[in-house]
Each structure stands twice: as C-alpha cells, then as structure tokens.
Protein backbone atom coordinates (compact mmCIF):
# COMPACT_ATOMS: atom_id res chain seq x y z
CA MET A 1 5.77 40.22 31.67
CA GLU A 2 8.31 39.41 29.24
CA HIS A 3 7.16 39.96 25.22
CA SER A 4 8.18 37.92 22.09
CA LEU A 5 7.36 38.69 18.05
CA ASN A 6 8.26 37.74 15.22
CA ILE A 7 9.53 40.50 12.63
CA MET A 8 11.24 40.07 9.67
CA GLY A 9 13.14 36.32 11.39
CA ALA A 10 14.25 38.46 14.11
CA THR A 11 12.39 37.69 17.97
CA ALA A 12 12.20 40.90 20.14
CA ARG A 13 12.15 40.97 23.63
CA ARG A 14 11.62 43.35 25.69
CA GLY A 15 10.58 43.37 29.86
CA SER A 16 7.45 45.67 29.26
CA ASN A 17 4.79 46.50 26.91
CA GLN A 18 5.32 47.81 22.64
CA SER A 19 3.79 51.05 23.10
CA GLY A 20 4.32 53.36 20.35
CA MET A 21 4.13 50.62 17.91
CA ARG A 22 2.09 52.39 14.41
CA ALA A 23 -1.21 51.63 13.15
CA TYR A 24 -1.19 49.57 9.55
CA ASN A 25 -2.19 52.57 7.85
CA GLU A 26 -0.19 55.05 8.99
CA ARG A 27 2.74 52.30 8.67
CA LEU A 28 1.52 51.48 4.98
CA VAL A 29 2.39 55.20 4.37
CA LEU A 30 5.41 55.81 6.06
CA SER A 31 6.38 52.49 3.60
CA LEU A 32 5.98 54.09 0.73
CA ILE A 33 7.53 57.46 1.45
CA ARG A 34 10.71 55.18 2.48
CA GLN A 35 10.27 53.47 -1.32
CA HIS A 36 9.89 56.07 -3.12
CA GLY A 37 11.13 59.69 -1.50
CA ALA A 38 8.82 62.53 -0.61
CA LEU A 39 4.72 62.12 -2.07
CA ALA A 40 1.86 64.27 -2.20
CA LYS A 41 -1.10 63.35 -0.42
CA ALA A 42 -2.70 62.51 -4.22
CA ASP A 43 0.22 60.04 -4.71
CA ILE A 44 -0.37 58.48 -1.46
CA THR A 45 -4.32 58.33 -2.14
CA ARG A 46 -3.69 56.57 -5.20
CA ARG A 47 -0.94 53.60 -4.36
CA THR A 48 -3.02 53.18 -1.38
CA GLY A 49 -6.27 52.98 -2.06
CA LEU A 50 -7.39 55.18 0.41
CA SER A 51 -9.41 57.79 1.43
CA ALA A 52 -8.06 60.97 0.47
CA GLN A 53 -9.89 61.64 3.88
CA THR A 54 -8.15 59.02 5.65
CA VAL A 55 -5.20 60.31 3.85
CA SER A 56 -5.02 63.17 5.21
CA VAL A 57 -5.88 62.30 8.66
CA ILE A 58 -2.79 60.09 8.98
CA MET A 59 -0.36 62.65 7.08
CA ARG A 60 -1.62 64.88 9.75
CA ALA A 61 -1.47 62.47 12.95
CA LEU A 62 2.07 61.49 11.62
CA GLU A 63 3.53 65.18 10.93
CA ALA A 64 2.30 65.85 14.59
CA ASP A 65 4.57 63.28 15.84
CA GLY A 66 7.15 64.15 14.21
CA LEU A 67 7.86 61.49 11.35
CA LEU A 68 6.61 63.07 8.49
CA VAL A 69 7.64 66.91 7.14
CA ARG A 70 6.41 68.61 4.21
CA GLY A 71 8.35 70.18 1.81
CA GLN A 72 7.61 73.09 -0.57
CA PRO A 73 4.36 73.33 -2.19
CA VAL A 74 4.47 72.44 -6.72
CA ARG A 75 2.86 74.95 -8.61
CA GLY A 76 2.36 75.26 -11.89
CA LYS A 77 -0.14 72.30 -12.60
CA ILE A 78 -4.35 72.89 -13.07
CA GLY A 79 -6.00 72.83 -9.69
CA GLN A 80 -4.22 73.26 -6.16
CA PRO A 81 -0.53 73.18 -5.78
CA SER A 82 0.50 69.96 -4.12
CA THR A 83 2.34 69.31 -0.88
CA PRO A 84 5.08 66.38 -0.99
CA VAL A 85 5.83 65.49 2.43
CA SER A 86 9.12 63.36 3.36
CA LEU A 87 10.45 61.68 6.66
CA ALA A 88 11.51 63.44 9.20
CA LYS A 89 14.87 62.62 9.32
CA ASP A 90 15.20 63.48 13.54
CA GLY A 91 11.27 61.45 13.59
CA ALA A 92 12.82 58.10 15.05
CA PHE A 93 16.32 56.49 16.66
CA PHE A 94 17.10 53.09 16.63
CA PHE A 95 20.58 51.12 17.70
CA GLY A 96 22.38 48.66 15.98
CA LEU A 97 24.52 46.10 17.36
CA LYS A 98 26.72 43.57 15.39
CA ILE A 99 28.77 40.71 17.03
CA GLY A 100 31.53 39.61 15.12
CA ARG A 101 34.30 36.92 15.45
CA ARG A 102 36.73 39.49 15.56
CA SER A 103 35.03 43.16 16.11
CA LEU A 104 32.50 44.66 18.01
CA ASP A 105 30.20 47.63 16.47
CA LEU A 106 26.99 49.99 17.42
CA VAL A 107 25.87 52.19 16.06
CA LEU A 108 22.79 54.95 16.20
CA THR A 109 20.53 55.76 13.11
CA ASP A 110 17.91 57.94 12.59
CA PHE A 111 14.42 57.95 10.24
CA LEU A 112 16.81 57.97 6.93
CA GLY A 113 19.46 55.10 8.31
CA GLU A 114 22.28 57.41 8.64
CA VAL A 115 24.72 56.80 10.86
CA LEU A 116 25.33 59.23 13.55
CA HIS A 117 27.31 57.57 16.71
CA ARG A 118 29.38 54.52 16.42
CA VAL A 119 31.04 53.17 18.94
CA ARG A 120 33.85 49.94 17.89
CA VAL A 121 35.88 47.39 19.03
CA ASN A 122 38.24 44.90 17.97
CA HIS A 123 38.49 41.19 20.51
CA PRO A 124 40.49 37.99 19.63
CA TYR A 125 36.39 36.58 20.07
CA PRO A 126 33.54 37.52 21.36
CA THR A 127 32.09 36.65 24.63
CA PRO A 128 28.64 36.85 26.59
CA GLU A 129 30.18 39.43 29.23
CA ASN A 130 32.32 41.35 27.05
CA THR A 131 29.85 41.52 24.73
CA VAL A 132 26.42 42.90 27.01
CA ARG A 133 29.31 45.37 29.34
CA PHE A 134 29.84 46.43 25.78
CA ALA A 135 26.52 47.22 24.76
CA SER A 136 25.41 48.89 27.91
CA ASP A 137 28.20 51.06 28.27
CA GLY A 138 28.06 52.13 24.49
CA ILE A 139 24.74 52.99 24.65
CA ASP A 140 25.14 54.86 27.68
CA ARG A 141 28.02 56.70 25.80
CA ILE A 142 25.40 57.52 22.93
CA LEU A 143 22.32 58.12 24.35
CA SER A 144 24.28 60.98 26.38
CA LYS A 145 25.09 62.77 23.24
CA LEU A 146 21.42 63.19 22.54
CA PRO A 147 19.05 66.04 23.46
CA PRO A 148 16.49 64.74 25.78
CA GLU A 149 13.72 65.09 23.16
CA HIS A 150 15.49 62.74 20.70
CA GLN A 151 16.73 60.17 23.89
CA SER A 152 12.74 60.12 24.26
CA ARG A 153 12.79 58.81 20.42
CA VAL A 154 14.83 55.61 20.65
CA ALA A 155 12.56 53.55 18.92
CA GLY A 156 14.65 49.94 19.76
CA LEU A 157 17.39 48.06 19.48
CA GLY A 158 18.73 45.73 16.61
CA ILE A 159 21.52 42.74 17.51
CA ALA A 160 22.56 40.85 14.64
CA LEU A 161 24.70 37.91 15.79
CA PRO A 162 25.91 34.47 14.10
CA PHE A 163 23.69 32.09 15.13
CA GLN A 164 24.99 28.89 17.04
CA LEU A 165 28.58 30.66 17.87
CA TRP A 166 29.38 27.98 20.17
CA GLU A 167 30.07 25.95 17.25
CA TRP A 168 32.49 28.54 15.79
CA PRO A 169 35.40 26.12 13.54
CA GLY A 170 38.81 26.00 13.93
CA ALA A 171 38.75 27.44 17.24
CA ASP A 172 41.33 26.34 19.95
CA ALA A 173 39.57 24.24 22.77
CA ASP A 174 39.77 26.76 25.11
CA VAL A 175 38.53 29.55 22.83
CA THR A 176 35.48 26.67 22.07
CA LYS A 177 34.92 26.24 25.70
CA GLU A 178 34.32 30.19 26.27
CA MET A 179 32.15 30.45 23.32
CA ARG A 180 29.89 27.26 24.20
CA ARG A 181 29.05 29.85 26.84
CA TRP A 182 26.69 31.53 24.17
CA LYS A 183 24.55 28.10 23.75
CA ASP A 184 22.80 29.34 27.49
CA GLN A 185 22.57 33.14 27.14
CA ASP A 186 20.16 35.11 25.98
CA ILE A 187 21.43 38.87 25.29
CA ALA A 188 18.54 39.98 23.82
CA ALA A 189 16.36 39.60 26.76
CA GLU A 190 19.25 40.68 28.93
CA LEU A 191 19.86 44.07 27.07
CA GLY A 192 16.47 44.92 27.00
CA HIS A 193 15.66 43.79 30.29
CA SER A 194 17.45 47.49 31.58
CA ARG A 195 15.87 49.24 29.02
CA GLY A 196 12.79 51.36 27.98
CA PHE A 197 12.68 49.68 24.22
CA PRO A 198 12.45 46.76 22.53
CA VAL A 199 15.44 44.23 21.58
CA PHE A 200 15.29 41.90 18.39
CA ILE A 201 17.57 39.82 17.40
CA CYS A 202 18.68 37.94 14.04
CA ASN A 203 21.59 35.89 12.28
CA ASP A 204 23.96 38.07 10.66
CA ALA A 205 23.82 37.32 7.67
CA SER A 206 20.54 37.78 7.62
CA THR A 207 20.21 41.01 9.03
CA ALA A 208 22.68 42.23 6.24
CA CYS A 209 20.26 41.33 3.88
CA GLY A 210 17.56 43.05 5.18
CA ALA A 211 19.47 45.96 4.80
CA GLU A 212 19.88 45.94 1.83
CA LEU A 213 16.24 45.15 1.58
CA VAL A 214 15.50 48.35 3.42
CA PHE A 215 17.76 50.67 2.83
CA GLY A 216 19.61 49.73 -0.56
CA ASP A 217 18.47 50.57 -3.88
CA PRO A 218 14.74 50.29 -4.64
CA ASP A 219 14.42 49.07 -7.79
CA LYS A 220 15.90 46.11 -6.76
CA PRO A 221 14.49 42.94 -8.19
CA SER A 222 11.78 41.81 -5.52
CA ASP A 223 13.60 38.48 -5.18
CA PHE A 224 17.67 37.86 -4.44
CA LEU A 225 19.98 36.22 -2.68
CA TYR A 226 22.52 37.31 -1.09
CA PHE A 227 26.19 36.80 0.19
CA PHE A 228 28.21 39.04 2.37
CA VAL A 229 32.17 38.45 3.29
CA GLY A 230 32.59 39.02 6.47
CA PHE A 231 35.16 36.97 8.69
CA PHE A 232 32.83 33.93 7.54
CA ILE A 233 30.43 34.01 4.67
CA GLY A 234 26.90 33.99 5.07
CA GLY A 235 23.78 34.59 2.95
CA GLY A 236 19.84 35.61 3.07
CA LEU A 237 17.46 35.55 0.68
CA VAL A 238 14.65 37.79 -0.26
CA LEU A 239 11.49 36.85 -2.32
CA ASP A 240 8.65 38.59 -3.29
CA ASN A 241 10.20 41.88 -1.31
CA SER A 242 10.38 40.31 2.27
CA LEU A 243 13.62 38.73 3.77
CA TYR A 244 12.56 34.73 4.69
CA THR A 245 15.10 33.68 7.38
CA GLY A 246 12.73 30.10 7.89
CA ARG A 247 11.84 28.10 10.62
CA SER A 248 15.28 28.60 13.09
CA GLY A 249 15.70 32.34 11.37
CA ASN A 250 19.20 30.29 10.02
CA ALA A 251 17.61 29.85 5.47
CA ALA A 252 20.05 30.68 3.39
CA ALA A 253 22.88 29.47 5.44
CA LEU A 254 25.11 29.76 2.06
CA GLY A 255 28.44 29.43 3.56
CA SER A 256 27.89 25.44 4.35
CA LEU A 257 26.97 25.15 1.16
CA ILE A 258 29.79 21.89 -0.29
CA VAL A 259 31.39 23.43 -3.16
CA PRO A 260 33.74 22.10 -5.30
CA THR A 261 37.62 22.88 -5.70
CA PRO A 262 39.67 23.98 -8.33
CA ALA A 263 41.66 20.78 -7.42
CA GLY A 264 38.85 18.22 -7.56
CA THR A 265 38.36 18.16 -3.68
CA HIS A 266 35.16 19.67 -2.23
CA CYS A 267 33.99 21.96 0.69
CA GLN A 268 32.28 24.43 2.94
CA LEU A 269 32.21 27.44 0.59
CA VAL A 270 32.66 28.88 4.70
CA ASP A 271 36.29 27.23 3.98
CA VAL A 272 37.16 29.22 0.92
CA ALA A 273 35.54 32.56 0.67
CA SER A 274 35.89 33.73 4.27
CA LEU A 275 37.79 36.50 5.49
CA SER A 276 39.08 34.50 7.54
CA ALA A 277 40.56 31.82 4.94
CA LEU A 278 42.03 35.24 4.15
CA GLU A 279 43.35 35.83 7.41
CA ASP A 280 45.05 32.31 7.54
CA ALA A 281 46.98 33.40 4.31
CA LEU A 282 48.79 37.02 5.74
CA ILE A 283 49.98 34.80 8.88
CA ARG A 284 51.15 31.98 6.24
CA SER A 285 53.32 34.08 4.07
CA SER A 286 54.01 36.37 7.81
CA ASP A 287 52.18 39.16 6.31
CA GLN A 288 50.58 41.60 9.53
CA SER A 289 46.73 40.10 9.39
CA THR A 290 44.98 42.64 11.90
CA MET A 291 45.07 45.25 9.50
CA ILE A 292 42.33 43.52 7.43
CA TRP A 293 39.93 44.10 11.07
CA GLU A 294 40.56 47.39 11.28
CA HIS A 295 38.80 49.75 8.53
CA PRO A 296 38.19 48.34 5.40
CA GLU A 297 38.94 50.80 3.04
CA THR A 298 42.82 51.20 5.19
CA TRP A 299 43.50 48.03 4.72
CA ASP A 300 47.46 47.43 2.53
CA VAL A 301 46.88 43.77 1.49
CA PRO A 302 50.02 42.19 -0.02
CA LYS A 303 48.94 41.21 -3.83
CA GLY A 304 50.11 37.50 -3.99
CA PRO A 305 47.99 36.14 -0.91
CA LEU A 306 44.95 38.32 -1.63
CA ASP A 307 44.90 37.45 -5.30
CA SER A 308 45.20 33.77 -4.50
CA TRP A 309 42.29 34.49 -2.28
CA LEU A 310 40.46 36.34 -4.56
CA ASP A 311 40.52 33.58 -7.19
CA GLY A 312 39.13 31.01 -4.28
CA ALA A 313 36.33 32.91 -3.32
CA ALA A 314 35.11 33.62 -6.48
CA PHE A 315 35.20 29.86 -7.76
CA GLY A 316 33.17 29.24 -5.26
CA ILE A 317 30.86 31.80 -4.87
CA ALA A 318 30.47 30.93 -8.72
CA ARG A 319 29.80 27.19 -7.69
CA ALA A 320 27.05 28.03 -5.18
CA ILE A 321 25.24 30.71 -6.92
CA ALA A 322 24.67 27.87 -10.13
CA ALA A 323 23.76 25.19 -7.42
CA SER A 324 21.82 27.62 -5.60
CA ALA A 325 19.94 28.86 -9.15
CA CYS A 326 18.59 24.86 -9.43
CA LEU A 327 16.57 25.85 -6.62
CA ILE A 328 15.41 29.13 -5.72
CA ASP A 329 14.78 31.09 -9.46
CA VAL A 330 16.18 34.34 -8.84
CA ALA A 331 16.81 37.36 -10.71
CA GLN A 332 19.94 38.69 -9.23
CA VAL A 333 22.64 37.97 -6.29
CA LEU A 334 24.03 40.31 -4.47
CA ILE A 335 27.60 40.05 -2.95
CA ASP A 336 28.87 42.12 -0.16
CA GLY A 337 31.26 42.42 2.82
CA TRP A 338 32.84 43.92 5.60
CA MET A 339 36.43 45.12 2.63
CA PRO A 340 37.44 47.79 0.45
CA GLU A 341 34.91 48.81 -2.02
CA THR A 342 37.54 47.63 -4.62
CA MET A 343 37.98 44.74 -3.47
CA ARG A 344 34.75 44.18 -3.64
CA ALA A 345 34.25 44.56 -7.46
CA GLU A 346 37.05 42.82 -8.42
CA LEU A 347 35.93 39.56 -5.89
CA VAL A 348 32.52 40.32 -8.25
CA ARG A 349 34.33 40.48 -11.53
CA ARG A 350 35.97 37.22 -10.68
CA VAL A 351 33.07 36.08 -9.45
CA GLN A 352 30.62 36.84 -12.47
CA GLN A 353 33.86 35.31 -14.60
CA GLU A 354 33.18 32.54 -13.04
CA ILE A 355 29.61 31.90 -12.91
CA ALA A 356 30.10 32.89 -17.43
CA GLN A 357 31.83 29.51 -17.40
CA ILE A 358 29.63 27.50 -15.91
CA SER A 359 26.74 25.60 -17.72
CA VAL A 360 23.50 24.93 -16.17
CA VAL A 361 20.77 22.83 -18.41
CA GLY A 362 17.77 24.25 -17.84
CA VAL A 363 18.75 26.89 -15.24
CA GLN A 364 18.53 30.86 -15.92
CA LYS A 365 21.29 32.33 -14.56
CA PRO A 366 21.06 35.84 -12.38
CA ASP A 367 22.85 38.34 -12.75
CA VAL A 368 26.14 38.84 -10.64
CA VAL A 369 25.95 42.44 -8.25
CA ALA A 370 27.89 44.08 -5.89
CA GLY A 371 25.55 45.03 -2.68
CA SER A 372 24.62 49.12 -2.25
CA ILE A 373 25.53 49.11 1.60
CA GLY A 374 29.32 48.39 2.02
CA PRO A 375 30.88 47.37 5.49
CA ASP A 376 27.88 48.48 7.90
CA ALA A 377 24.90 46.12 6.68
CA ARG A 378 25.14 44.06 10.25
CA ALA A 379 24.91 47.28 11.80
CA LEU A 380 22.15 49.00 9.67
CA GLY A 381 20.84 45.56 9.26
CA ALA A 382 20.58 45.69 12.94
CA ALA A 383 19.45 48.97 13.47
CA SER A 384 16.54 48.38 10.76
CA LEU A 385 14.94 45.53 12.92
CA PRO A 386 13.52 47.92 15.82
CA LEU A 387 12.68 50.53 12.50
CA SER A 388 10.49 47.79 10.41
CA ASN A 389 8.72 46.41 13.39
CA ARG A 390 7.68 49.41 14.92
CA PHE A 391 7.12 51.45 11.14
CA LEU A 392 7.27 49.73 8.03
CA ILE A 393 4.99 47.09 6.45
CA GLU A 394 6.67 44.48 4.38
CA ARG A 395 7.09 45.82 0.89
CA HIS A 396 4.58 42.57 -1.22
CA SER A 397 1.81 43.94 0.83
CA TYR A 398 1.48 47.77 -0.36
CA GLN A 399 3.24 46.73 -3.96
CA LYS A 400 0.67 44.43 -5.35
CA GLY A 401 -1.90 47.09 -4.93
CA GLY A 402 -3.13 49.24 -7.36
CA GLY A 403 -2.17 52.93 -8.53
CA HIS A 404 1.54 51.62 -9.64
C-alpha cells in the first residue's frame, strides 16, 4: 500500500513501509550533532535534558548502526576524559534530483551533505518521460559505483521541481502542450515504485531554502526569507527554524510578487529577476545564451547585458523585500542562485544599495546577505528531504529546550 507523509513541506511516496525511521530521541541527538559539530556525552545530556544513562544507550546504538564515530578523548580537565562523537560520513547516503527548465541534476550525498557523485544533462525543457528515464538511469549508474555496504545505506531520494510546471510562462504552443503532461504525472510515485527507498517531492525554491536550513550557516537567524535565482526566480521562508511551505506547498512564491519598474510600470518579479530574462537579453544582443546553463563558474557573459539585468533584478528584488517585510518580520534575507559567486556577490551588493534607498515607515528592513550553498542548493535541498525525514527533527523542537 502506498504511503504518504509530509516533512518540511515535502510529500513522500513509496511502495513499502518506512523501515529505518529513527526513534525521536535518536534523531534529537543526531540533529544536535549536525548543528553543533562533535559533542561529548555530557554536552548532549545538558542540551537535551535526557538522563546520562539514556544518552549513553542512544549513543551506543547510533555508533553500532554506523551513524556516529568517536573522536579522540579530550584530557586535561577534572574527572574522566570526555570523548566527542561526530556524524559518520558513510552513515547514510541520499539522492537529490533537481528538475529544472534547462537541466536535470542528480546528486548523491553522504551523511555530511557532501556531493559524492553527480549526473547532469541539459535540455530545452523537461518532459516527464525523459525525466523518469534520466533519474532511473542515473540512480543505477551511481549505485553501480558504490560498494554493496554503501548501497544498503541509501536512505531515500528527494525531488526538487517547480510546482505547476504546465503553467510555464512564455512557452510556445508546442512546449505548452508537452509541459501540460506534468499535470497528471506523479513522478515521485513512479520512481518510488521501483526503488527500495522512500521518495520525497518539494517545490524547487523551497527545497533550495531547505538546503540553507540544513547545511548552511548554523548561526543564521531563526526567521529568514530566501531568494533563489534560477531560470525563474523563486523563494522560501523559514519561521522559527522550520521551513514553512504553506497549505499548497508553494508559500513564499516570491517570483509572483508584483513589483514596480524604474519606468513606472509594474510587472511580476519573475519577469525581471530571473535568468530567463538574462537569456532573452543575450539573445537580443546576438550573444551566446546557452553559456549560462553550463557550469556557473564557466560563464563569460558580456558586461552590457549583464549590467542591465543586474540593475533590473536588484531593483525588483529590493521592492519585493520591502513589501515582504511589511507582512513578515524577518531578521535576514538570503539571496542565492545558479550563477558565479562573483555575480551573486554583485547582485547582493546592488540589492543592498537599492533597499537602503527605500523608505518603509514603521518597518525594520532586514539585512540582505548572500546564501551559503550556491548553485547546488536545489539538488542538495532535495537530498536533504530524506535526510530530514529519517534522521533529524525540526530545530525549534530542541532549540527551545534548556542547557543553551
């Protein structure tokens, strides 16, 4: 019987039961170590409020299952030396599939979130059949590179894709007809039926935001707004250290916001701050537009079209931030995207300049900073979906506890 659940806004589907789900207290310990790094038993006891005996039992069980490794004893303090434990990088493995308008990416990460293997292909637009074939072939190819003991530790597949793909704006009639087939496609169920691990699905921009939450700077604020600049710009929202995806899974759809333009007109943010707009500008200037869909660090975009796009994108994003700040009181806004690091830094700088000039009476404007994940945010966020479901708890569940 097919099983579904919701975790971090992601829907999980699979053909068998969810064996391997860790008990709550075990996931609590794993979550603490993921956030804080190596911890000794006394630190875990203090932070969780669990008894020392219970923590000892949990740590032994997690170590026996290959999820934790012991470090060198720390000596020089009063009493017995303490032995810190950390996550075992080979403790579990996770697939992440990003379905993009110009490419498909499949990655395999280890328990620490490091990408071990990658398969990628470019395309004019994604179709359900080609996507399923790519994912199935890619999973088989990557699994064949793993030793048997690691194959058995693959804990799931996460999928990041734009919701309502069939409403892709600006597509011609033939493309629209092809894309409409996504409306009746349950890719998570199709891939999950043939695999022995659970499959999760989430909006791509929210998934990228989830990567920032799970793998990003642990010292970030508990509430933040997130922009990811891809073929279309999208967004994510974290409240109280939890990814908020809303009733339909599409919360913080920042690309749909109506923003003013320097010319005094209005448009949706997606029209001015997406890489599709940069692609159009490159086509109009007769420059090669396909270069921006290869690896971001290999871009060689002409200064004229790039400067014009950066100005328009920064103007629109700043207005979107100002409008959002009136509704959601966040301390920080993170901007990331499929682009070179230097270009992301320049976009952030221009957004900071723009928002400094906007007057919003009675509202404290948030700080604007660069995201910490980069172009892989959607694929890594997809891989974080099974990781979170199987091994973690939401941060607010333990950050509100004692011992901090």
